[in-house]
Amino acid sequence: MSSDGRSETLFTLTEEGGYRFLEGAPGRQLLRRVEDASLLVEACGSSDVDSALLYAENLTAGFFDLSSGEAGGILQKLRNYRVRLAVVCLPGSVRFSSRFGDLVAEEKRGSYFRLFESHEAAREWLSR
């Protein structure tokens, strides 16, 4: 168990087309605070992978509200450790802040973060 009482097995190692990545469990909050991004970085390092697939509900409560700073903090931590992140966000499941679209557009210039409407599209991007 971690210091906050959660199990260390928060992520599942997935392999698709010869490419391996970690995957969060749908319907479960895994990152409760920005600092929890370290759990994902550590899990990637332990599994010898550089990518993760998470679901909107796996992220902090304020991730999609750009004014909270949570998305920026988490994405910066992952970028520092060269961890790519695909997030599955089903249409209508999350309310985005007015500026969140700007973040998504900016991130498309790089190769570390993408938002997807389907699990299949996210897995396809990670396997490239």
C-alpha atoms as a PDB file:
ATOM      1  CA  MET A   1       0.000   0.000   0.000  1.00  0.00           C
ATOM      2  CA  SER A   2       1.096   3.543  -0.633  1.00  0.00           C
ATOM      3  CA  SER A   3       1.283   6.138   2.134  1.00  0.00           C
ATOM      4  CA  ASP A   4      -2.286   7.270   1.427  1.00  0.00           C
ATOM      5  CA  GLY A   5      -3.666   3.731   1.723  1.00  0.00           C
ATOM      6  CA  ARG A   6      -4.125   3.018  -1.984  1.00  0.00           C
ATOM      7  CA  SER A   7      -2.903  -0.121  -3.657  1.00  0.00           C
ATOM      8  CA  GLU A   8       0.264   0.231  -5.709  1.00  0.00           C
ATOM      9  CA  THR A   9      -1.382  -1.665  -8.596  1.00  0.00           C
ATOM     10  CA  LEU A  10      -3.232   1.302 -10.015  1.00  0.00           C
ATOM     11  CA  PHE A  11      -2.276   0.576 -13.618  1.00  0.00           C
ATOM     12  CA  THR A  12      -2.387  -2.476 -15.877  1.00  0.00           C
ATOM     13  CA  LEU A  13       0.385  -3.248 -18.342  1.00  0.00           C
ATOM     14  CA  THR A  14      -1.164  -3.559 -21.803  1.00  0.00           C
ATOM     15  CA  GLU A  15       0.451  -4.699 -25.033  1.00  0.00           C
ATOM     16  CA  GLU A  16      -0.908  -3.957 -28.480  1.00  0.00           C
ATOM     17  CA  GLY A  17       0.875  -4.535 -31.768  1.00  0.00           C
ATOM     18  CA  GLY A  18       4.160  -5.090 -29.973  1.00  0.00           C
ATOM     19  CA  TYR A  19       3.892  -1.785 -28.120  1.00  0.00           C
ATOM     20  CA  ARG A  20       3.456  -1.732 -24.335  1.00  0.00           C
ATOM     21  CA  PHE A  21       1.787   0.937 -22.202  1.00  0.00           C
ATOM     22  CA  LEU A  22       0.087   1.309 -18.834  1.00  0.00           C
ATOM     23  CA  GLU A  23      -3.673   1.620 -18.605  1.00  0.00           C
ATOM     24  CA  GLY A  24      -5.859   2.964 -15.828  1.00  0.00           C
ATOM     25  CA  ALA A  25      -9.075   1.251 -14.803  1.00  0.00           C
ATOM     26  CA  PRO A  26     -12.208   2.912 -16.220  1.00  0.00           C
ATOM     27  CA  GLY A  27     -14.526   4.414 -13.626  1.00  0.00           C
ATOM     28  CA  ARG A  28     -11.860   4.830 -10.955  1.00  0.00           C
ATOM     29  CA  GLN A  29     -10.094   7.988  -9.771  1.00  0.00           C
ATOM     30  CA  LEU A  30      -6.362   7.280  -9.720  1.00  0.00           C
ATOM     31  CA  LEU A  31      -4.832  10.744  -9.511  1.00  0.00           C
ATOM     32  CA  ARG A  32      -6.341  12.716  -6.665  1.00  0.00           C
ATOM     33  CA  ARG A  33      -3.759  15.506  -6.625  1.00  0.00           C
ATOM     34  CA  VAL A  34      -1.171  16.847  -9.059  1.00  0.00           C
ATOM     35  CA  GLU A  35       1.591  15.169  -7.055  1.00  0.00           C
ATOM     36  CA  ASP A  36       0.052  11.775  -7.849  1.00  0.00           C
ATOM     37  CA  ALA A  37       1.462  12.122 -11.373  1.00  0.00           C
ATOM     38  CA  SER A  38       4.620  10.739  -9.752  1.00  0.00           C
ATOM     39  CA  LEU A  39       2.765   7.437  -9.235  1.00  0.00           C
ATOM     40  CA  LEU A  40       2.269   7.162 -12.980  1.00  0.00           C
ATOM     41  CA  VAL A  41       5.878   8.101 -13.721  1.00  0.00           C
ATOM     42  CA  GLU A  42       7.117   5.504 -11.221  1.00  0.00           C
ATOM     43  CA  ALA A  43       4.792   2.824 -12.594  1.00  0.00           C
ATOM     44  CA  CYS A  44       6.001   3.517 -16.133  1.00  0.00           C
ATOM     45  CA  GLY A  45       9.616   3.281 -15.017  1.00  0.00           C
ATOM     46  CA  SER A  46       8.988   0.038 -13.130  1.00  0.00           C
ATOM     47  CA  SER A  47       7.228  -1.464 -16.156  1.00  0.00           C
ATOM     48  CA  ASP A  48       9.822  -0.132 -18.627  1.00  0.00           C
ATOM     49  CA  VAL A  49       7.216   1.738 -20.687  1.00  0.00           C
ATOM     50  CA  ASP A  50       6.949   5.372 -21.748  1.00  0.00           C
ATOM     51  CA  SER A  51       3.211   5.693 -22.383  1.00  0.00           C
ATOM     52  CA  ALA A  52      -0.087   5.531 -20.534  1.00  0.00           C
ATOM     53  CA  LEU A  53      -3.776   5.418 -21.366  1.00  0.00           C
ATOM     54  CA  LEU A  54      -6.055   6.953 -18.761  1.00  0.00           C
ATOM     55  CA  TYR A  55      -9.755   7.696 -18.657  1.00  0.00           C
ATOM     56  CA  ALA A  56     -11.207  11.084 -17.723  1.00  0.00           C
ATOM     57  CA  GLU A  57     -12.351   9.698 -14.375  1.00  0.00           C
ATOM     58  CA  ASN A  58      -8.782   8.560 -13.586  1.00  0.00           C
ATOM     59  CA  LEU A  59      -7.649  12.192 -13.437  1.00  0.00           C
ATOM     60  CA  THR A  60      -7.867  14.827 -10.725  1.00  0.00           C
ATOM     61  CA  ALA A  61     -11.196  16.573 -10.199  1.00  0.00           C
ATOM     62  CA  GLY A  62      -9.857  19.844 -11.630  1.00  0.00           C
ATOM     63  CA  PHE A  63      -7.889  18.444 -14.575  1.00  0.00           C
ATOM     64  CA  PHE A  64     -10.348  19.738 -17.200  1.00  0.00           C
ATOM     65  CA  ASP A  65     -10.597  23.179 -15.550  1.00  0.00           C
ATOM     66  CA  LEU A  66      -7.518  24.938 -16.841  1.00  0.00           C
ATOM     67  CA  SER A  67      -7.689  27.587 -14.114  1.00  0.00           C
ATOM     68  CA  SER A  68      -6.982  24.911 -11.468  1.00  0.00           C
ATOM     69  CA  GLY A  69      -3.460  24.368 -12.826  1.00  0.00           C
ATOM     70  CA  GLU A  70      -3.882  20.623 -12.381  1.00  0.00           C
ATOM     71  CA  ALA A  71      -3.637  19.714 -16.077  1.00  0.00           C
ATOM     72  CA  GLY A  72      -0.534  21.852 -16.505  1.00  0.00           C
ATOM     73  CA  GLY A  73       1.160  20.371 -13.443  1.00  0.00           C
ATOM     74  CA  ILE A  74       0.400  16.787 -14.383  1.00  0.00           C
ATOM     75  CA  LEU A  75       1.323  17.165 -18.042  1.00  0.00           C
ATOM     76  CA  GLN A  76       4.570  18.968 -17.192  1.00  0.00           C
ATOM     77  CA  LYS A  77       5.594  16.194 -14.802  1.00  0.00           C
ATOM     78  CA  LEU A  78       4.896  13.550 -17.442  1.00  0.00           C
ATOM     79  CA  ARG A  79       6.703  15.542 -20.138  1.00  0.00           C
ATOM     80  CA  ASN A  80       9.747  15.945 -17.852  1.00  0.00           C
ATOM     81  CA  TYR A  81       9.988  12.159 -17.686  1.00  0.00           C
ATOM     82  CA  ARG A  82       9.051  11.677 -21.357  1.00  0.00           C
ATOM     83  CA  VAL A  83       5.818   9.828 -20.586  1.00  0.00           C
ATOM     84  CA  ARG A  84       3.177  10.050 -23.329  1.00  0.00           C
ATOM     85  CA  LEU A  85      -0.429  10.252 -22.149  1.00  0.00           C
ATOM     86  CA  ALA A  86      -3.616   9.397 -24.030  1.00  0.00           C
ATOM     87  CA  VAL A  87      -6.850  10.276 -22.226  1.00  0.00           C
ATOM     88  CA  VAL A  88     -10.186   8.759 -23.194  1.00  0.00           C
ATOM     89  CA  CYS A  89     -12.961  11.261 -22.604  1.00  0.00           C
ATOM     90  CA  LEU A  90     -16.347  10.145 -23.842  1.00  0.00           C
ATOM     91  CA  PRO A  91     -18.422  12.932 -25.418  1.00  0.00           C
ATOM     92  CA  GLY A  92     -20.499  14.724 -22.801  1.00  0.00           C
ATOM     93  CA  SER A  93     -18.835  12.968 -19.870  1.00  0.00           C
ATOM     94  CA  VAL A  94     -16.775  15.951 -18.711  1.00  0.00           C
ATOM     95  CA  ARG A  95     -17.274  19.672 -18.685  1.00  0.00           C
ATOM     96  CA  PHE A  96     -14.224  21.493 -20.049  1.00  0.00           C
ATOM     97  CA  SER A  97     -13.280  24.991 -18.948  1.00  0.00           C
ATOM     98  CA  SER A  98     -13.466  27.612 -21.679  1.00  0.00           C
ATOM     99  CA  ARG A  99      -9.677  27.511 -22.209  1.00  0.00           C
ATOM    100  CA  PHE A 100      -9.147  23.756 -22.045  1.00  0.00           C
ATOM    101  CA  GLY A 101      -9.539  23.501 -25.828  1.00  0.00           C
ATOM    102  CA  ASP A 102      -6.562  25.845 -26.170  1.00  0.00           C
ATOM    103  CA  LEU A 103      -4.442  23.439 -24.148  1.00  0.00           C
ATOM    104  CA  VAL A 104      -5.530  20.496 -26.301  1.00  0.00           C
ATOM    105  CA  ALA A 105      -4.732  22.427 -29.486  1.00  0.00           C
ATOM    106  CA  GLU A 106      -1.309  23.436 -28.164  1.00  0.00           C
ATOM    107  CA  GLU A 107      -0.492  19.884 -27.083  1.00  0.00           C
ATOM    108  CA  LYS A 108      -1.233  18.587 -30.608  1.00  0.00           C
ATOM    109  CA  ARG A 109       1.965  20.335 -31.714  1.00  0.00           C
ATOM    110  CA  GLY A 110       3.949  17.925 -29.552  1.00  0.00           C
ATOM    111  CA  SER A 111       3.815  14.193 -29.028  1.00  0.00           C
ATOM    112  CA  TYR A 112       3.143  13.823 -25.303  1.00  0.00           C
ATOM    113  CA  PHE A 113      -0.608  14.325 -24.788  1.00  0.00           C
ATOM    114  CA  ARG A 114      -3.786  13.632 -26.713  1.00  0.00           C
ATOM    115  CA  LEU A 115      -7.477  13.525 -25.846  1.00  0.00           C
ATOM    116  CA  PHE A 116      -9.639  10.855 -27.521  1.00  0.00           C
ATOM    117  CA  GLU A 117     -13.332  10.056 -27.695  1.00  0.00           C
ATOM    118  CA  SER A 118     -12.713   6.308 -27.911  1.00  0.00           C
ATOM    119  CA  HIS A 119     -10.531   3.709 -26.299  1.00  0.00           C
ATOM    120  CA  GLU A 120      -9.589   2.322 -29.723  1.00  0.00           C
ATOM    121  CA  ALA A 121      -8.347   5.681 -31.037  1.00  0.00           C
ATOM    122  CA  ALA A 122      -6.260   6.227 -27.897  1.00  0.00           C
ATOM    123  CA  ARG A 123      -4.666   2.791 -28.164  1.00  0.00           C
ATOM    124  CA  GLU A 124      -3.930   3.343 -31.844  1.00  0.00           C
ATOM    125  CA  TRP A 125      -2.121   6.634 -31.109  1.00  0.00           C
ATOM    126  CA  LEU A 126      -0.075   5.046 -28.328  1.00  0.00           C
ATOM    127  CA  SER A 127       0.996   2.180 -30.573  1.00  0.00           C
ATOM    128  CA  ARG A 128       2.534   4.550 -33.131  1.00  0.00           C
END
